[in-house]
Amino acid sequence: MCLSIPSQVIALHEDEQAVTVDTMGVKRKVSSHLMADALEIGDYVLIHIGFVMNKIDKADAMESLALYREIVEKLEQEQQES
């Protein structure tokens, strides 16, 4: 199973058909070859194996990111308790 964390586009590399995204503080360049629609800085996307698969609504992205942060916090808390 693959969990795709919403990532925000922070830079465009049109000459390479790629974008740089920020995924919960981690920045990396990914391919946008599979996207039919143009991407813009600030868009939220889902990535699979280094490719942007689709663009998602900002509200949905924010909700998902809040849930991921909650999961991370609980895991960190459990680690500290053990």
C-alpha atoms as a PDB file:
ATOM      1  CA  MET A   1       0.000   0.000   0.000  1.00  0.00           C
ATOM      2  CA  CYS A   2       1.237   3.477  -0.827  1.00  0.00           C
ATOM      3  CA  LEU A   3       0.292   6.561   1.178  1.00  0.00           C
ATOM      4  CA  SER A   4       0.614   9.740  -0.797  1.00  0.00           C
ATOM      5  CA  ILE A   5       1.157  12.817   1.340  1.00  0.00           C
ATOM      6  CA  PRO A   6      -0.030  16.091  -0.218  1.00  0.00           C
ATOM      7  CA  SER A   7       2.905  18.151  -1.443  1.00  0.00           C
ATOM      8  CA  GLN A   8       2.966  21.835  -2.354  1.00  0.00           C
ATOM      9  CA  VAL A   9       4.605  22.990  -5.585  1.00  0.00           C
ATOM     10  CA  ILE A  10       7.304  25.532  -4.683  1.00  0.00           C
ATOM     11  CA  ALA A  11       9.237  25.811  -7.978  1.00  0.00           C
ATOM     12  CA  LEU A  12       8.633  25.076 -11.647  1.00  0.00           C
ATOM     13  CA  HIS A  13      11.234  23.544 -13.970  1.00  0.00           C
ATOM     14  CA  GLU A  14       9.350  23.690 -17.267  1.00  0.00           C
ATOM     15  CA  ASP A  15      12.439  22.952 -19.354  1.00  0.00           C
ATOM     16  CA  GLU A  16      12.722  19.602 -17.519  1.00  0.00           C
ATOM     17  CA  GLN A  17       8.973  18.930 -17.142  1.00  0.00           C
ATOM     18  CA  ALA A  18       9.528  18.858 -13.391  1.00  0.00           C
ATOM     19  CA  VAL A  19       8.565  20.735 -10.245  1.00  0.00           C
ATOM     20  CA  THR A  20      10.065  21.091  -6.794  1.00  0.00           C
ATOM     21  CA  VAL A  21       7.634  20.222  -4.027  1.00  0.00           C
ATOM     22  CA  ASP A  22       7.573  20.610  -0.270  1.00  0.00           C
ATOM     23  CA  THR A  23       6.251  17.533   1.526  1.00  0.00           C
ATOM     24  CA  MET A  24       5.937  18.343   5.228  1.00  0.00           C
ATOM     25  CA  GLY A  25       9.231  20.246   5.157  1.00  0.00           C
ATOM     26  CA  VAL A  26      11.094  17.890   2.818  1.00  0.00           C
ATOM     27  CA  LYS A  27      11.868  19.451  -0.557  1.00  0.00           C
ATOM     28  CA  ARG A  28      12.536  17.426  -3.706  1.00  0.00           C
ATOM     29  CA  LYS A  29      12.279  17.638  -7.467  1.00  0.00           C
ATOM     30  CA  VAL A  30       9.704  15.363  -9.123  1.00  0.00           C
ATOM     31  CA  SER A  31       8.564  14.769 -12.682  1.00  0.00           C
ATOM     32  CA  SER A  32       5.426  16.400 -14.042  1.00  0.00           C
ATOM     33  CA  HIS A  33       5.524  14.403 -17.302  1.00  0.00           C
ATOM     34  CA  LEU A  34       2.235  12.634 -16.514  1.00  0.00           C
ATOM     35  CA  MET A  35       0.248  15.822 -15.849  1.00  0.00           C
ATOM     36  CA  ALA A  36      -1.978  17.054 -18.643  1.00  0.00           C
ATOM     37  CA  ASP A  37      -2.859  20.267 -16.784  1.00  0.00           C
ATOM     38  CA  ALA A  38      -0.260  22.934 -16.103  1.00  0.00           C
ATOM     39  CA  LEU A  39       0.942  23.239 -12.519  1.00  0.00           C
ATOM     40  CA  GLU A  40       1.508  26.520 -10.706  1.00  0.00           C
ATOM     41  CA  ILE A  41       3.481  27.472  -7.623  1.00  0.00           C
ATOM     42  CA  GLY A  42       1.217  26.923  -4.626  1.00  0.00           C
ATOM     43  CA  ASP A  43      -0.698  23.979  -6.131  1.00  0.00           C
ATOM     44  CA  TYR A  44      -1.063  20.850  -4.010  1.00  0.00           C
ATOM     45  CA  VAL A  45      -0.300  17.537  -5.680  1.00  0.00           C
ATOM     46  CA  LEU A  46      -0.045  13.835  -4.937  1.00  0.00           C
ATOM     47  CA  ILE A  47       3.139  12.023  -5.959  1.00  0.00           C
ATOM     48  CA  HIS A  48       3.834   8.362  -6.663  1.00  0.00           C
ATOM     49  CA  ILE A  49       7.350   7.015  -7.331  1.00  0.00           C
ATOM     50  CA  GLY A  50       8.680  10.446  -8.266  1.00  0.00           C
ATOM     51  CA  PHE A  51       5.836  11.487 -10.578  1.00  0.00           C
ATOM     52  CA  VAL A  52       3.056  13.998  -9.940  1.00  0.00           C
ATOM     53  CA  MET A  53      -0.111  11.958 -10.369  1.00  0.00           C
ATOM     54  CA  ASN A  54      -2.775  14.609  -9.818  1.00  0.00           C
ATOM     55  CA  LYS A  55      -3.543  18.028  -8.415  1.00  0.00           C
ATOM     56  CA  ILE A  56      -5.760  18.222  -5.319  1.00  0.00           C
ATOM     57  CA  ASP A  57      -7.889  20.866  -3.673  1.00  0.00           C
ATOM     58  CA  LYS A  58      -6.113  22.990  -1.038  1.00  0.00           C
ATOM     59  CA  ALA A  59      -8.785  22.269   1.607  1.00  0.00           C
ATOM     60  CA  ASP A  60      -8.402  18.512   1.087  1.00  0.00           C
ATOM     61  CA  ALA A  61      -4.612  18.857   1.239  1.00  0.00           C
ATOM     62  CA  MET A  62      -4.777  20.816   4.506  1.00  0.00           C
ATOM     63  CA  GLU A  63      -7.100  18.231   6.069  1.00  0.00           C
ATOM     64  CA  SER A  64      -4.805  15.362   5.054  1.00  0.00           C
ATOM     65  CA  LEU A  65      -1.681  17.156   6.273  1.00  0.00           C
ATOM     66  CA  ALA A  66      -3.310  17.834   9.646  1.00  0.00           C
ATOM     67  CA  LEU A  67      -4.067  14.116   9.998  1.00  0.00           C
ATOM     68  CA  TYR A  68      -0.504  13.143   9.012  1.00  0.00           C
ATOM     69  CA  ARG A  69       0.917  15.594  11.582  1.00  0.00           C
ATOM     70  CA  GLU A  70      -1.344  14.087  14.239  1.00  0.00           C
ATOM     71  CA  ILE A  71      -0.101  10.588  13.359  1.00  0.00           C
ATOM     72  CA  VAL A  72       3.534  11.712  13.517  1.00  0.00           C
ATOM     73  CA  GLU A  73       2.992  13.399  16.889  1.00  0.00           C
ATOM     74  CA  LYS A  74       1.370  10.271  18.347  1.00  0.00           C
ATOM     75  CA  LEU A  75       4.146   8.032  17.046  1.00  0.00           C
ATOM     76  CA  GLU A  76       6.797  10.337  18.517  1.00  0.00           C
ATOM     77  CA  GLN A  77       4.937  10.395  21.828  1.00  0.00           C
ATOM     78  CA  GLU A  78       4.755   6.588  21.892  1.00  0.00           C
ATOM     79  CA  GLN A  79       8.488   6.377  21.158  1.00  0.00           C
ATOM     80  CA  GLN A  80       9.305   8.684  24.048  1.00  0.00           C
ATOM     81  CA  GLU A  81       7.134   6.641  26.423  1.00  0.00           C
ATOM     82  CA  SER A  82       8.826   3.341  25.593  1.00  0.00           C
END
